Protein backbone atom coordinates (compact mmCIF):
# COMPACT_ATOMS: atom_id res chain seq x y z
CA MET A 1 89.79 113.97 102.82
CA ASN A 2 87.11 116.31 101.56
CA ASN A 3 84.70 117.85 104.06
CA ALA A 4 86.55 116.14 106.89
CA GLN A 5 85.86 117.47 110.33
CA GLN A 6 88.67 118.00 112.80
CA LEU A 7 87.78 116.84 116.29
CA LEU A 8 89.00 117.90 119.75
CA ARG A 9 88.23 121.59 119.17
CA ASP A 10 86.85 122.64 122.57
CA ALA A 11 89.59 124.30 124.61
CA ASN A 12 87.76 123.42 127.85
CA ILE A 13 87.57 119.67 127.21
CA GLU A 14 90.89 117.84 127.43
CA PRO A 15 90.98 114.78 125.13
CA THR A 16 90.55 111.33 126.64
CA VAL A 17 91.26 107.89 125.22
CA GLY A 18 87.50 107.34 124.95
CA MET A 19 86.89 110.59 123.06
CA ILE A 20 89.65 109.74 120.60
CA ALA A 21 88.32 106.19 120.12
CA ASP A 22 84.79 107.50 119.52
CA GLY A 23 86.00 110.06 116.97
CA LEU A 24 88.20 107.61 115.08
CA GLY A 25 85.67 104.78 115.01
CA ALA A 26 87.05 101.80 113.07
CA THR A 27 90.39 103.59 112.60
CA ASN A 28 91.01 103.51 116.36
CA THR A 29 92.71 100.10 116.09
CA VAL A 30 95.16 101.60 113.58
CA TYR A 31 95.74 104.55 115.94
CA GLU A 32 96.41 102.22 118.90
CA LYS A 33 98.88 100.19 116.81
CA PHE A 34 100.59 103.46 115.76
CA ILE A 35 100.94 104.67 119.36
CA GLU A 36 102.32 101.30 120.46
CA GLU A 37 104.80 100.96 117.58
CA LEU A 38 106.21 104.47 118.09
CA LYS A 39 108.02 103.07 121.14
CA GLU A 40 110.12 100.88 118.82
CA TYR A 41 111.38 104.10 117.19
CA ASN A 42 112.08 105.83 120.54
CA ILE A 43 109.38 108.38 119.79
CA SER A 44 106.98 109.43 122.51
CA LEU A 45 103.80 111.44 122.23
CA MET A 46 103.64 114.58 124.30
CA ASN A 47 100.48 115.27 126.27
CA TRP A 48 97.63 116.75 124.25
CA ARG A 49 97.75 120.53 124.22
CA TYR A 50 95.25 123.09 122.98
CA TYR A 51 96.66 125.47 120.36
CA ASN A 52 94.79 128.75 119.93
CA ASP A 53 96.17 129.38 116.42
CA GLY A 54 94.54 126.23 115.05
CA LYS A 55 91.74 126.10 117.65
CA ALA A 56 92.30 122.41 118.33
CA TRP A 57 94.04 119.95 120.62
CA LEU A 58 97.22 118.49 119.08
CA SER A 59 99.93 116.14 120.17
CA LYS A 60 103.51 116.00 119.01
CA GLY A 61 105.76 113.01 118.40
CA GLU A 62 109.09 113.69 120.08
CA TYR A 63 112.48 112.02 120.02
CA LYS A 64 114.25 112.40 123.37
CA TRP A 65 117.85 111.49 124.05
CA THR A 66 120.77 112.25 126.34
CA THR A 67 124.01 113.59 124.89
CA ALA A 68 127.44 112.19 125.75
CA ARG A 69 127.82 115.08 128.23
CA GLY A 70 124.55 114.22 129.93
CA ALA A 71 122.32 116.95 128.50
CA ASN A 72 118.71 115.96 127.79
CA LYS A 73 117.60 116.83 124.26
CA VAL A 74 114.18 116.79 122.59
CA LYS A 75 113.48 116.96 118.87
CA PRO A 76 109.95 117.36 117.49
CA VAL A 77 109.34 114.74 114.81
CA PHE A 78 105.70 115.19 113.75
CA TRP A 79 102.34 116.67 114.76
CA LEU A 80 99.24 114.57 115.40
CA SER A 81 95.59 115.61 115.06
CA ILE A 82 92.32 113.68 115.33
CA TRP A 83 89.65 113.90 112.64
CA GLU A 84 86.31 112.22 112.16
CA GLY A 85 87.25 108.66 111.12
CA PHE A 86 91.00 109.19 110.72
CA PHE A 87 94.06 110.87 112.20
CA LYS A 88 96.62 113.14 110.57
CA VAL A 89 100.37 112.88 110.98
CA SER A 90 102.11 116.05 109.78
CA PHE A 91 105.81 116.46 109.08
CA PHE A 92 107.58 119.71 108.24
CA PHE A 93 110.77 119.62 106.19
CA SER A 94 112.99 122.13 104.44
CA GLU A 95 112.26 122.41 100.72
CA LYS A 96 116.01 121.79 100.16
CA ILE A 97 115.70 118.11 101.08
CA ARG A 98 112.69 117.21 98.91
CA THR A 99 114.91 115.13 96.57
CA GLU A 100 116.36 113.28 99.57
CA LEU A 101 112.84 112.53 100.85
CA LEU A 102 111.87 111.14 97.45
CA SER A 103 114.82 108.73 97.58
CA LEU A 104 113.57 107.12 100.82
CA PRO A 105 112.03 103.61 100.74
CA ILE A 106 108.41 104.83 100.90
CA SER A 107 105.27 104.09 98.90
CA SER A 108 104.49 105.71 95.58
CA ASP A 109 101.50 107.39 97.28
CA ALA A 110 103.82 109.04 99.81
CA LYS A 111 106.19 110.11 97.04
CA GLU A 112 103.27 111.73 95.20
CA ILE A 113 102.38 113.69 98.35
CA ILE A 114 106.00 114.88 98.62
CA LYS A 115 106.22 115.76 94.91
CA ASN A 116 102.93 117.67 94.86
CA THR A 117 103.27 119.64 98.09
CA GLU A 118 103.74 123.38 97.52
CA ALA A 119 106.61 124.97 99.41
CA THR A 120 105.67 127.79 101.80
CA GLY A 121 107.61 130.55 103.51
CA LYS A 122 109.45 133.59 102.20
CA THR A 123 113.09 133.03 103.15
CA MET A 124 113.13 129.51 104.59
CA LYS A 125 111.00 127.44 102.19
CA SER A 126 109.40 124.40 103.80
CA ILE A 127 107.05 121.62 102.81
CA SER A 128 104.29 120.09 104.93
CA ILE A 129 103.98 116.35 104.38
CA ILE A 130 100.59 115.33 105.78
CA PHE A 131 99.20 111.80 105.94
CA ASP A 132 95.50 111.08 106.54
CA ILE A 133 95.80 107.71 108.26
CA THR A 134 92.96 105.22 107.95
CA ASP A 135 94.82 101.95 107.37
CA LYS A 136 97.83 100.28 109.03
CA CYS A 137 99.51 99.87 105.60
CA GLN A 138 100.11 103.66 105.64
CA LEU A 139 102.14 103.52 108.85
CA ASN A 140 105.38 102.33 107.25
CA ASP A 141 105.72 105.63 105.36
CA VAL A 142 105.25 107.54 108.62
CA TYR A 143 107.90 105.45 110.37
CA VAL A 144 110.41 105.90 107.53
CA LEU A 145 109.93 109.68 107.55
CA ALA A 146 110.09 109.77 111.35
CA GLU A 147 113.42 107.91 111.34
CA PHE A 148 114.75 110.25 108.66
CA ARG A 149 113.67 113.29 110.67
CA LYS A 150 115.28 111.93 113.85
CA GLU A 151 118.62 111.23 112.23
CA ASN A 152 119.01 114.05 109.70
CA ILE A 153 117.31 117.18 110.94
């Protein structure tokens, strides 16, 4: 989204539900649905944390499980940021699996994002798949990629 403004940028002000709702406006209902439905995928959001490198508060979707031997494991699935009128869900994948991602049951819009994303990194090439979420119809693509990330990476 052109000229979009990222919110939650003051390191001294921890995000609240009200601040997020105000920033998202009409998209807040989509955000609330997203947060609620993540539970069905056994993904939890970590507490908001301020990151100095990006100068903003971010959250991370995490998949937590216990191994057969009783060890607790955590796998980061995606990053979440709040913008004026929408929220971003960002996935990071190895460039090597781009073809596999394109074979997933996702929308043609999501496939275009995957196809057109430039790989970054010198030795370990990766791609950043970023969704600007404004409508609940976009959530299915996020859930499909989240499930793929949980099970394959």
